[in-house]
């Protein structure tokens, strides 16, 4: 899917960066419990170039830029064909969670 347009009107502090939400109601929910929003917020930090990929989000190993997959509009690199294949086979929110859930994000970004 193409890169998602982000409305920067309403923002929250998240991981020493800024995440954007649709409205003040979501901002209040995010500030109360960010865990419900973490996967999409982590994706957004990478999409907006506030977070940089440094390792494979699945293994924590060194990345090989030739082993990349588009995940919700952004290119994510992996250490090997096995990790690349696992993410390539996943779809939608499952794919997003493999790469941008907190555990994966902490390993790779």
PDB file of N, CA and C in Angstrom:
ATOM      1  N   UNK A   1       0.846  -1.172   0.000  1.00  0.00           N
ATOM      2  CA  UNK A   1       0.000   0.000   0.000  1.00  0.00           C
ATOM      3  C   UNK A   1       0.883   1.223   0.000  1.00  0.00           C
ATOM      4  N   UNK A   2       0.351   2.324  -0.487  1.00  0.00           N
ATOM      5  CA  UNK A   2       1.130   3.553  -0.589  1.00  0.00           C
ATOM      6  C   UNK A   2       1.373   4.167   0.779  1.00  0.00           C
ATOM      7  N   UNK A   3       2.306   5.092   0.829  1.00  0.00           N
ATOM      8  CA  UNK A   3       2.616   5.756   2.080  1.00  0.00           C
ATOM      9  C   UNK A   3       1.378   6.487   2.586  1.00  0.00           C
ATOM     10  N   UNK A   4       1.160   6.397   3.869  1.00  0.00           N
ATOM     11  CA  UNK A   4      -0.021   6.977   4.488  1.00  0.00           C
ATOM     12  C   UNK A   4       0.261   8.435   4.833  1.00  0.00           C
ATOM     13  N   UNK A   5      -0.671   9.310   4.503  1.00  0.00           N
ATOM     14  CA  UNK A   5      -0.549  10.727   4.827  1.00  0.00           C
ATOM     15  C   UNK A   5      -0.842  10.914   6.322  1.00  0.00           C
ATOM     16  N   UNK A   6       0.001  11.659   7.003  1.00  0.00           N
ATOM     17  CA  UNK A   6      -0.163  11.866   8.440  1.00  0.00           C
ATOM     18  C   UNK A   6      -0.600  13.302   8.697  1.00  0.00           C
ATOM     19  N   UNK A   7      -1.721  13.438   9.414  1.00  0.00           N
ATOM     20  CA  UNK A   7      -2.200  14.756   9.832  1.00  0.00           C
ATOM     21  C   UNK A   7      -1.466  15.101  11.120  1.00  0.00           C
ATOM     22  N   UNK A   8      -0.705  16.178  11.103  1.00  0.00           N
ATOM     23  CA  UNK A   8       0.129  16.515  12.250  1.00  0.00           C
ATOM     24  C   UNK A   8      -0.523  17.517  13.197  1.00  0.00           C
ATOM     25  N   UNK A   9      -1.851  17.641  13.136  1.00  0.00           N
ATOM     26  CA  UNK A   9      -2.558  18.618  13.962  1.00  0.00           C
ATOM     27  C   UNK A   9      -2.566  18.251  15.445  1.00  0.00           C
ATOM     28  N   UNK A  10      -2.702  16.966  15.767  1.00  0.00           N
ATOM     29  CA  UNK A  10      -2.777  16.534  17.164  1.00  0.00           C
ATOM     30  C   UNK A  10      -1.620  15.564  17.422  1.00  0.00           C
ATOM     31  N   UNK A  11      -0.774  15.886  18.403  1.00  0.00           N
ATOM     32  CA  UNK A  11       0.406  15.061  18.646  1.00  0.00           C
ATOM     33  C   UNK A  11       0.544  14.683  20.120  1.00  0.00           C
ATOM     34  N   UNK A  12       1.329  13.628  20.348  1.00  0.00           N
ATOM     35  CA  UNK A  12       1.652  13.170  21.694  1.00  0.00           C
ATOM     36  C   UNK A  12       3.139  12.830  21.749  1.00  0.00           C
ATOM     37  N   UNK A  13       3.731  12.963  22.917  1.00  0.00           N
ATOM     38  CA  UNK A  13       5.126  12.553  23.101  1.00  0.00           C
ATOM     39  C   UNK A  13       5.149  11.041  23.253  1.00  0.00           C
ATOM     40  N   UNK A  14       6.095  10.399  22.532  1.00  0.00           N
ATOM     41  CA  UNK A  14       6.173   8.949  22.546  1.00  0.00           C
ATOM     42  C   UNK A  14       7.590   8.531  22.190  1.00  0.00           C
ATOM     43  N   UNK A  15       8.234   7.737  23.027  1.00  0.00           N
ATOM     44  CA  UNK A  15       9.599   7.247  22.792  1.00  0.00           C
ATOM     45  C   UNK A  15      10.574   8.375  22.450  1.00  0.00           C
ATOM     46  N   UNK A  16      10.516   9.434  23.202  1.00  0.00           N
ATOM     47  CA  UNK A  16      11.387  10.596  22.990  1.00  0.00           C
ATOM     48  C   UNK A  16      11.231  11.177  21.591  1.00  0.00           C
ATOM     49  N   UNK A  17      10.038  11.022  21.025  1.00  0.00           N
ATOM     50  CA  UNK A  17       9.725  11.552  19.703  1.00  0.00           C
ATOM     51  C   UNK A  17       8.278  12.055  19.734  1.00  0.00           C
ATOM     52  N   UNK A  18       7.700  12.251  18.565  1.00  0.00           N
ATOM     53  CA  UNK A  18       6.336  12.744  18.475  1.00  0.00           C
ATOM     54  C   UNK A  18       5.505  11.817  17.609  1.00  0.00           C
ATOM     55  N   UNK A  19       4.399  11.349  18.168  1.00  0.00           N
ATOM     56  CA  UNK A  19       3.441  10.547  17.408  1.00  0.00           C
ATOM     57  C   UNK A  19       2.210  11.411  17.162  1.00  0.00           C
ATOM     58  N   UNK A  20       1.546  11.171  16.060  1.00  0.00           N
ATOM     59  CA  UNK A  20       0.384  11.964  15.682  1.00  0.00           C
ATOM     60  C   UNK A  20      -0.864  11.098  15.716  1.00  0.00           C
ATOM     61  N   UNK A  21      -1.935  11.665  16.247  1.00  0.00           N
ATOM     62  CA  UNK A  21      -3.220  10.967  16.342  1.00  0.00           C
ATOM     63  C   UNK A  21      -4.297  11.820  15.678  1.00  0.00           C
ATOM     64  N   UNK A  22      -5.454  11.219  15.471  1.00  0.00           N
ATOM     65  CA  UNK A  22      -6.497  11.883  14.689  1.00  0.00           C
ATOM     66  C   UNK A  22      -7.242  12.985  15.437  1.00  0.00           C
ATOM     67  N   UNK A  23      -7.343  12.865  16.771  1.00  0.00           N
ATOM     68  CA  UNK A  23      -8.164  13.833  17.503  1.00  0.00           C
ATOM     69  C   UNK A  23      -7.736  13.879  18.968  1.00  0.00           C
ATOM     70  N   UNK A  24      -8.247  14.843  19.688  1.00  0.00           N
ATOM     71  CA  UNK A  24      -7.912  14.983  21.108  1.00  0.00           C
ATOM     72  C   UNK A  24      -8.428  13.822  21.944  1.00  0.00           C
ATOM     73  N   UNK A  25      -9.525  13.191  21.526  1.00  0.00           N
ATOM     74  CA  UNK A  25     -10.048  12.021  22.227  1.00  0.00           C
ATOM     75  C   UNK A  25      -9.023  10.879  22.155  1.00  0.00           C
ATOM     76  N   UNK A  26      -8.480  10.632  20.971  1.00  0.00           N
ATOM     77  CA  UNK A  26      -7.451   9.591  20.817  1.00  0.00           C
ATOM     78  C   UNK A  26      -6.173   9.991  21.545  1.00  0.00           C
ATOM     79  N   UNK A  27      -5.869  11.273  21.571  1.00  0.00           N
ATOM     80  CA  UNK A  27      -4.689  11.744  22.302  1.00  0.00           C
ATOM     81  C   UNK A  27      -4.834  11.384  23.780  1.00  0.00           C
ATOM     82  N   UNK A  28      -5.998  11.622  24.349  1.00  0.00           N
ATOM     83  CA  UNK A  28      -6.222  11.299  25.764  1.00  0.00           C
ATOM     84  C   UNK A  28      -6.103   9.796  26.008  1.00  0.00           C
ATOM     85  N   UNK A  29      -6.658   8.979  25.097  1.00  0.00           N
ATOM     86  CA  UNK A  29      -6.559   7.521  25.225  1.00  0.00           C
ATOM     87  C   UNK A  29      -5.106   7.066  25.112  1.00  0.00           C
ATOM     88  N   UNK A  30      -4.374   7.654  24.178  1.00  0.00           N
ATOM     89  CA  UNK A  30      -2.966   7.314  23.973  1.00  0.00           C
ATOM     90  C   UNK A  30      -2.158   7.644  25.222  1.00  0.00           C
ATOM     91  N   UNK A  31      -2.378   8.826  25.774  1.00  0.00           N
ATOM     92  CA  UNK A  31      -1.625   9.243  26.956  1.00  0.00           C
ATOM     93  C   UNK A  31      -1.957   8.389  28.175  1.00  0.00           C
ATOM     94  N   UNK A  32      -3.183   7.879  28.236  1.00  0.00           N
ATOM     95  CA  UNK A  32      -3.600   7.024  29.357  1.00  0.00           C
ATOM     96  C   UNK A  32      -2.964   5.636  29.243  1.00  0.00           C
ATOM     97  N   UNK A  33      -2.942   5.068  28.023  1.00  0.00           N
ATOM     98  CA  UNK A  33      -2.395   3.729  27.809  1.00  0.00           C
ATOM     99  C   UNK A  33      -1.901   3.601  26.372  1.00  0.00           C
ATOM    100  N   UNK A  34      -0.619   3.856  26.165  1.00  0.00           N
ATOM    101  CA  UNK A  34      -0.069   3.842  24.803  1.00  0.00           C
ATOM    102  C   UNK A  34       0.079   2.430  24.241  1.00  0.00           C
ATOM    103  N   UNK A  35      -0.014   1.392  25.073  1.00  0.00           N
ATOM    104  CA  UNK A  35       0.216   0.025  24.592  1.00  0.00           C
ATOM    105  C   UNK A  35      -0.765  -0.381  23.486  1.00  0.00           C
ATOM    106  N   UNK A  36      -1.981   0.130  23.539  1.00  0.00           N
ATOM    107  CA  UNK A  36      -2.979  -0.190  22.509  1.00  0.00           C
ATOM    108  C   UNK A  36      -2.590   0.391  21.151  1.00  0.00           C
ATOM    109  N   UNK A  37      -1.789   1.427  21.171  1.00  0.00           N
ATOM    110  CA  UNK A  37      -1.415   2.146  19.957  1.00  0.00           C
ATOM    111  C   UNK A  37       0.031   1.889  19.537  1.00  0.00           C
ATOM    112  N   UNK A  38       0.783   1.117  20.332  1.00  0.00           N
ATOM    113  CA  UNK A  38       2.237   1.018  20.172  1.00  0.00           C
ATOM    114  C   UNK A  38       2.683   0.585  18.780  1.00  0.00           C
ATOM    115  N   UNK A  39       2.085  -0.469  18.237  1.00  0.00           N
ATOM    116  CA  UNK A  39       2.540  -0.975  16.938  1.00  0.00           C
ATOM    117  C   UNK A  39       2.415   0.096  15.856  1.00  0.00           C
ATOM    118  N   UNK A  40       1.271   0.735  15.794  1.00  0.00           N
ATOM    119  CA  UNK A  40       1.065   1.765  14.760  1.00  0.00           C
ATOM    120  C   UNK A  40       1.880   3.022  15.054  1.00  0.00           C
ATOM    121  N   UNK A  41       2.056   3.351  16.320  1.00  0.00           N
ATOM    122  CA  UNK A  41       2.882   4.510  16.675  1.00  0.00           C
ATOM    123  C   UNK A  41       4.349   4.250  16.324  1.00  0.00           C
ATOM    124  N   UNK A  42       4.836   3.032  16.574  1.00  0.00           N
ATOM    125  CA  UNK A  42       6.216   2.688  16.214  1.00  0.00           C
ATOM    126  C   UNK A  42       6.408   2.772  14.701  1.00  0.00           C
ATOM    127  N   UNK A  43       5.434   2.257  13.946  1.00  0.00           N
ATOM    128  CA  UNK A  43       5.481   2.351  12.484  1.00  0.00           C
ATOM    129  C   UNK A  43       5.555   3.820  12.066  1.00  0.00           C
ATOM    130  N   UNK A  44       4.742   4.640  12.702  1.00  0.00           N
ATOM    131  CA  UNK A  44       4.717   6.056  12.357  1.00  0.00           C
ATOM    132  C   UNK A  44       6.057   6.732  12.653  1.00  0.00           C
ATOM    133  N   UNK A  45       6.703   6.366  13.756  1.00  0.00           N
ATOM    134  CA  UNK A  45       8.011   6.953  14.058  1.00  0.00           C
ATOM    135  C   UNK A  45       9.024   6.637  12.966  1.00  0.00           C
ATOM    136  N   UNK A  46       8.972   5.417  12.446  1.00  0.00           N
ATOM    137  CA  UNK A  46       9.873   5.038  11.355  1.00  0.00           C
ATOM    138  C   UNK A  46       9.473   5.751  10.061  1.00  0.00           C
ATOM    139  N   UNK A  47       8.178   5.790   9.803  1.00  0.00           N
ATOM    140  CA  UNK A  47       7.667   6.438   8.584  1.00  0.00           C
ATOM    141  C   UNK A  47       8.046   7.918   8.537  1.00  0.00           C
ATOM    142  N   UNK A  48       8.007   8.580   9.687  1.00  0.00           N
ATOM    143  CA  UNK A  48       8.307  10.009   9.747  1.00  0.00           C
ATOM    144  C   UNK A  48       9.799  10.274   9.992  1.00  0.00           C
ATOM    145  N   UNK A  49      10.590   9.217   9.908  1.00  0.00           N
ATOM    146  CA  UNK A  49      12.051   9.295  10.034  1.00  0.00           C
ATOM    147  C   UNK A  49      12.519   9.790  11.407  1.00  0.00           C
ATOM    148  N   UNK A  50      11.693   9.571  12.439  1.00  0.00           N
ATOM    149  CA  UNK A  50      12.101   9.881  13.808  1.00  0.00           C
ATOM    150  C   UNK A  50      12.813   8.682  14.434  1.00  0.00           C
ATOM    151  N   UNK A  51      12.634   7.522  13.820  1.00  0.00           N
ATOM    152  CA  UNK A  51      13.327   6.303  14.256  1.00  0.00           C
ATOM    153  C   UNK A  51      14.065   5.743  13.053  1.00  0.00           C
ATOM    154  N   UNK A  52      15.245   5.193  13.297  1.00  0.00           N
ATOM    155  CA  UNK A  52      16.076   4.643  12.226  1.00  0.00           C
ATOM    156  C   UNK A  52      16.278   3.157  12.466  1.00  0.00           C
ATOM    157  N   UNK A  53      16.182   2.372  11.413  1.00  0.00           N
ATOM    158  CA  UNK A  53      16.426   0.938  11.547  1.00  0.00           C
ATOM    159  C   UNK A  53      17.918   0.683  11.661  1.00  0.00           C
ATOM    160  N   UNK A  54      18.296  -0.129  12.672  1.00  0.00           N
ATOM    161  CA  UNK A  54      19.705  -0.446  12.888  1.00  0.00           C
ATOM    162  C   UNK A  54      19.984  -1.950  12.886  1.00  0.00           C
ATOM    163  N   UNK A  55      18.947  -2.756  13.109  1.00  0.00           N
ATOM    164  CA  UNK A  55      19.091  -4.220  13.157  1.00  0.00           C
ATOM    165  C   UNK A  55      17.833  -4.870  12.580  1.00  0.00           C
ATOM    166  N   UNK A  56      17.883  -6.168  12.399  1.00  0.00           N
ATOM    167  CA  UNK A  56      16.715  -6.936  11.968  1.00  0.00           C
ATOM    168  C   UNK A  56      15.695  -6.936  13.115  1.00  0.00           C
ATOM    169  N   UNK A  57      14.443  -6.553  12.841  1.00  0.00           N
ATOM    170  CA  UNK A  57      13.455  -6.523  13.921  1.00  0.00           C
ATOM    171  C   UNK A  57      13.034  -7.908  14.418  1.00  0.00           C
ATOM    172  N   UNK A  58      13.336  -8.948  13.679  1.00  0.00           N
ATOM    173  CA  UNK A  58      12.977 -10.296  14.135  1.00  0.00           C
ATOM    174  C   UNK A  58      14.105 -10.940  14.929  1.00  0.00           C
ATOM    175  N   UNK A  59      15.331 -10.849  14.427  1.00  0.00           N
ATOM    176  CA  UNK A  59      16.446 -11.544  15.077  1.00  0.00           C
ATOM    177  C   UNK A  59      17.359 -10.638  15.889  1.00  0.00           C
ATOM    178  N   UNK A  60      17.342  -9.339  15.566  1.00  0.00           N
ATOM    179  CA  UNK A  60      18.290  -8.419  16.178  1.00  0.00           C
ATOM    180  C   UNK A  60      19.653  -8.447  15.494  1.00  0.00           C
ATOM    181  N   UNK A  61      19.750  -9.223  14.400  1.00  0.00           N
ATOM    182  CA  UNK A  61      21.013  -9.342  13.668  1.00  0.00           C
ATOM    183  C   UNK A  61      21.255  -8.179  12.718  1.00  0.00           C
ATOM    184  N   UNK A  62      22.446  -8.140  12.152  1.00  0.00           N
ATOM    185  CA  UNK A  62      22.794  -7.101  11.175  1.00  0.00           C
ATOM    186  C   UNK A  62      21.882  -7.206   9.959  1.00  0.00           C
ATOM    187  N   UNK A  63      21.515  -6.057   9.396  1.00  0.00           N
ATOM    188  CA  UNK A  63      20.601  -6.061   8.253  1.00  0.00           C
ATOM    189  C   UNK A  63      21.342  -6.152   6.929  1.00  0.00           C
ATOM    190  N   UNK A  64      20.669  -6.764   5.969  1.00  0.00           N
ATOM    191  CA  UNK A  64      21.130  -6.892   4.595  1.00  0.00           C
ATOM    192  C   UNK A  64      20.107  -6.132   3.757  1.00  0.00           C
ATOM    193  N   UNK A  65      20.497  -4.985   3.212  1.00  0.00           N
ATOM    194  CA  UNK A  65      19.540  -4.130   2.494  1.00  0.00           C
ATOM    195  C   UNK A  65      18.915  -4.814   1.281  1.00  0.00           C
ATOM    196  N   UNK A  66      19.524  -5.910   0.803  1.00  0.00           N
ATOM    197  CA  UNK A  66      18.920  -6.642  -0.322  1.00  0.00           C
ATOM    198  C   UNK A  66      17.762  -7.534   0.149  1.00  0.00           C
ATOM    199  N   UNK A  67      17.577  -7.663   1.454  1.00  0.00           N
ATOM    200  CA  UNK A  67      16.505  -8.493   2.038  1.00  0.00           C
ATOM    201  C   UNK A  67      15.425  -7.586   2.632  1.00  0.00           C
ATOM    202  N   UNK A  68      14.846  -6.722   1.800  1.00  0.00           N
ATOM    203  CA  UNK A  68      13.863  -5.741   2.271  1.00  0.00           C
ATOM    204  C   UNK A  68      12.445  -6.101   1.837  1.00  0.00           C
ATOM    205  N   UNK A  69      11.486  -5.644   2.632  1.00  0.00           N
ATOM    206  CA  UNK A  69      10.063  -5.858   2.361  1.00  0.00           C
ATOM    207  C   UNK A  69       9.340  -4.546   2.635  1.00  0.00           C
ATOM    208  N   UNK A  70       8.369  -4.206   1.792  1.00  0.00           N
ATOM    209  CA  UNK A  70       7.509  -3.051   2.044  1.00  0.00           C
ATOM    210  C   UNK A  70       6.495  -3.458   3.100  1.00  0.00           C
ATOM    211  N   UNK A  71       6.449  -2.711   4.187  1.00  0.00           N
ATOM    212  CA  UNK A  71       5.492  -2.963   5.264  1.00  0.00           C
ATOM    213  C   UNK A  71       4.699  -1.675   5.475  1.00  0.00           C
ATOM    214  N   UNK A  72       3.449  -1.697   5.091  1.00  0.00           N
ATOM    215  CA  UNK A  72       2.583  -0.512   5.213  1.00  0.00           C
ATOM    216  C   UNK A  72       3.262   0.755   4.697  1.00  0.00           C
ATOM    217  N   UNK A  73       3.816   0.667   3.509  1.00  0.00           N
ATOM    218  CA  UNK A  73       4.364   1.833   2.834  1.00  0.00           C
ATOM    219  C   UNK A  73       5.809   2.172   3.133  1.00  0.00           C
ATOM    220  N   UNK A  74       6.472   1.424   4.007  1.00  0.00           N
ATOM    221  CA  UNK A  74       7.884   1.689   4.300  1.00  0.00           C
ATOM    222  C   UNK A  74       8.713   0.445   4.034  1.00  0.00           C
ATOM    223  N   UNK A  75       9.949   0.641   3.623  1.00  0.00           N
ATOM    224  CA  UNK A  75      10.841  -0.472   3.336  1.00  0.00           C
ATOM    225  C   UNK A  75      11.610  -0.839   4.601  1.00  0.00           C
ATOM    226  N   UNK A  76      11.504  -2.120   4.984  1.00  0.00           N
ATOM    227  CA  UNK A  76      12.177  -2.626   6.171  1.00  0.00           C
ATOM    228  C   UNK A  76      13.126  -3.740   5.734  1.00  0.00           C
ATOM    229  N   UNK A  77      14.373  -3.682   6.177  1.00  0.00           N
ATOM    230  CA  UNK A  77      15.380  -4.679   5.807  1.00  0.00           C
ATOM    231  C   UNK A  77      15.517  -5.733   6.904  1.00  0.00           C
ATOM    232  N   UNK A  78      15.943  -6.923   6.499  1.00  0.00           N
ATOM    233  CA  UNK A  78      16.089  -8.050   7.412  1.00  0.00           C
ATOM    234  C   UNK A  78      17.484  -8.634   7.284  1.00  0.00           C
ATOM    235  N   UNK A  79      17.831  -9.531   8.201  1.00  0.00           N
ATOM    236  CA  UNK A  79      19.174 -10.112   8.216  1.00  0.00           C
ATOM    237  C   UNK A  79      19.340 -11.223   7.193  1.00  0.00           C
ATOM    238  N   UNK A  80      18.241 -11.901   6.871  1.00  0.00           N
ATOM    239  CA  UNK A  80      18.344 -13.088   6.025  1.00  0.00           C
ATOM    240  C   UNK A  80      17.028 -13.352   5.295  1.00  0.00           C
ATOM    241  N   UNK A  81      17.068 -14.285   4.372  1.00  0.00           N
ATOM    242  CA  UNK A  81      15.878 -14.655   3.614  1.00  0.00           C
ATOM    243  C   UNK A  81      14.775 -15.261   4.468  1.00  0.00           C
ATOM    244  N   UNK A  82      15.150 -15.929   5.553  1.00  0.00           N
ATOM    245  CA  UNK A  82      14.141 -16.540   6.435  1.00  0.00           C
ATOM    246  C   UNK A  82      13.280 -15.460   7.100  1.00  0.00           C
ATOM    247  N   UNK A  83      13.914 -14.443   7.667  1.00  0.00           N
ATOM    248  CA  UNK A  83      13.171 -13.344   8.299  1.00  0.00           C
ATOM    249  C   UNK A  83      12.383 -12.560   7.245  1.00  0.00           C
ATOM    250  N   UNK A  84      13.019 -12.321   6.109  1.00  0.00           N
ATOM    251  CA  UNK A  84      12.363 -11.612   5.019  1.00  0.00           C
ATOM    252  C   UNK A  84      11.117 -12.382   4.574  1.00  0.00           C
ATOM    253  N   UNK A  85      11.244 -13.682   4.430  1.00  0.00           N
ATOM    254  CA  UNK A  85      10.131 -14.517   3.989  1.00  0.00           C
ATOM    255  C   UNK A  85       8.984 -14.539   4.984  1.00  0.00           C
ATOM    256  N   UNK A  86       9.316 -14.610   6.253  1.00  0.00           N
ATOM    257  CA  UNK A  86       8.280 -14.634   7.297  1.00  0.00           C
ATOM    258  C   UNK A  86       7.428 -13.367   7.218  1.00  0.00           C
ATOM    259  N   UNK A  87       8.071 -12.214   7.043  1.00  0.00           N
ATOM    260  CA  UNK A  87       7.338 -10.949   6.966  1.00  0.00           C
ATOM    261  C   UNK A  87       6.612 -10.830   5.628  1.00  0.00           C
ATOM    262  N   UNK A  88       7.223 -11.298   4.546  1.00  0.00           N
ATOM    263  CA  UNK A  88       6.583 -11.247   3.224  1.00  0.00           C
ATOM    264  C   UNK A  88       5.283 -12.043   3.200  1.00  0.00           C
ATOM    265  N   UNK A  89       5.258 -13.162   3.901  1.00  0.00           N
ATOM    266  CA  UNK A  89       4.079 -14.027   3.909  1.00  0.00           C
ATOM    267  C   UNK A  89       2.952 -13.490   4.784  1.00  0.00           C
ATOM    268  N   UNK A  90       3.278 -12.686   5.770  1.00  0.00           N
ATOM    269  CA  UNK A  90       2.254 -12.122   6.656  1.00  0.00           C
ATOM    270  C   UNK A  90       1.509 -11.002   5.930  1.00  0.00           C
ATOM    271  N   UNK A  91       0.299 -10.739   6.354  1.00  0.00           N
ATOM    272  CA  UNK A  91      -0.520  -9.707   5.707  1.00  0.00           C
ATOM    273  C   UNK A  91      -1.112  -8.757   6.748  1.00  0.00           C
ATOM    274  N   UNK A  92      -1.374  -7.523   6.321  1.00  0.00           N
ATOM    275  CA  UNK A  92      -2.100  -6.552   7.126  1.00  0.00           C
ATOM    276  C   UNK A  92      -1.507  -6.303   8.500  1.00  0.00           C
ATOM    277  N   UNK A  93      -2.377  -6.335   9.515  1.00  0.00           N
ATOM    278  CA  UNK A  93      -1.950  -6.048  10.887  1.00  0.00           C
ATOM    279  C   UNK A  93      -0.960  -7.078  11.418  1.00  0.00           C
ATOM    280  N   UNK A  94      -1.061  -8.326  10.945  1.00  0.00           N
ATOM    281  CA  UNK A  94      -0.097  -9.351  11.370  1.00  0.00           C
ATOM    282  C   UNK A  94       1.312  -8.985  10.907  1.00  0.00           C
ATOM    283  N   UNK A  95       1.421  -8.515   9.679  1.00  0.00           N
ATOM    284  CA  UNK A  95       2.715  -8.101   9.145  1.00  0.00           C
ATOM    285  C   UNK A  95       3.244  -6.887   9.913  1.00  0.00           C
ATOM    286  N   UNK A  96       2.373  -5.934  10.154  1.00  0.00           N
ATOM    287  CA  UNK A  96       2.753  -4.734  10.892  1.00  0.00           C
ATOM    288  C   UNK A  96       3.270  -5.094  12.286  1.00  0.00           C
ATOM    289  N   UNK A  97       2.583  -6.008  12.966  1.00  0.00           N
ATOM    290  CA  UNK A  97       2.971  -6.412  14.316  1.00  0.00           C
ATOM    291  C   UNK A  97       4.315  -7.146  14.339  1.00  0.00           C
ATOM    292  N   UNK A  98       4.583  -7.964  13.321  1.00  0.00           N
ATOM    293  CA  UNK A  98       5.869  -8.674  13.269  1.00  0.00           C
ATOM    294  C   UNK A  98       7.044  -7.703  13.308  1.00  0.00           C
ATOM    295  N   UNK A  99       6.880  -6.558  12.661  1.00  0.00           N
ATOM    296  CA  UNK A  99       7.982  -5.611  12.505  1.00  0.00           C
ATOM    297  C   UNK A  99       7.944  -4.472  13.519  1.00  0.00           C
ATOM    298  N   UNK A 100       6.741  -4.010  13.873  1.00  0.00           N
ATOM    299  CA  UNK A 100       6.642  -2.786  14.667  1.00  0.00           C
ATOM    300  C   UNK A 100       6.044  -2.942  16.065  1.00  0.00           C
ATOM    301  N   UNK A 101       5.686  -4.161  16.489  1.00  0.00           N
ATOM    302  CA  UNK A 101       5.280  -4.343  17.888  1.00  0.00           C
ATOM    303  C   UNK A 101       6.479  -3.987  18.757  1.00  0.00           C
ATOM    304  N   UNK A 102       6.239  -3.633  20.008  1.00  0.00           N
ATOM    305  CA  UNK A 102       7.325  -3.130  20.864  1.00  0.00           C
ATOM    306  C   UNK A 102       8.556  -4.030  20.890  1.00  0.00           C
ATOM    307  N   UNK A 103       8.369  -5.334  21.025  1.00  0.00           N
ATOM    308  CA  UNK A 103       9.509  -6.254  21.126  1.00  0.00           C
ATOM    309  C   UNK A 103      10.375  -6.189  19.854  1.00  0.00           C
ATOM    310  N   UNK A 104       9.732  -6.224  18.694  1.00  0.00           N
ATOM    311  CA  UNK A 104      10.461  -6.139  17.428  1.00  0.00           C
ATOM    312  C   UNK A 104      11.087  -4.767  17.238  1.00  0.00           C
ATOM    313  N   UNK A 105      10.345  -3.735  17.592  1.00  0.00           N
ATOM    314  CA  UNK A 105      10.840  -2.368  17.429  1.00  0.00           C
ATOM    315  C   UNK A 105      12.080  -2.158  18.291  1.00  0.00           C
ATOM    316  N   UNK A 106      12.044  -2.688  19.515  1.00  0.00           N
ATOM    317  CA  UNK A 106      13.203  -2.545  20.410  1.00  0.00           C
ATOM    318  C   UNK A 106      14.430  -3.269  19.868  1.00  0.00           C
ATOM    319  N   UNK A 107      14.230  -4.362  19.143  1.00  0.00           N
ATOM    320  CA  UNK A 107      15.362  -5.099  18.545  1.00  0.00           C
ATOM    321  C   UNK A 107      15.944  -4.373  17.334  1.00  0.00           C
ATOM    322  N   UNK A 108      15.065  -3.790  16.514  1.00  0.00           N
ATOM    323  CA  UNK A 108      15.510  -3.316  15.212  1.00  0.00           C
ATOM    324  C   UNK A 108      15.670  -1.833  14.999  1.00  0.00           C
ATOM    325  N   UNK A 109      15.126  -1.015  15.918  1.00  0.00           N
ATOM    326  CA  UNK A 109      15.111   0.434  15.639  1.00  0.00           C
ATOM    327  C   UNK A 109      15.686   1.243  16.784  1.00  0.00           C
TER     328      UNK A 109
END
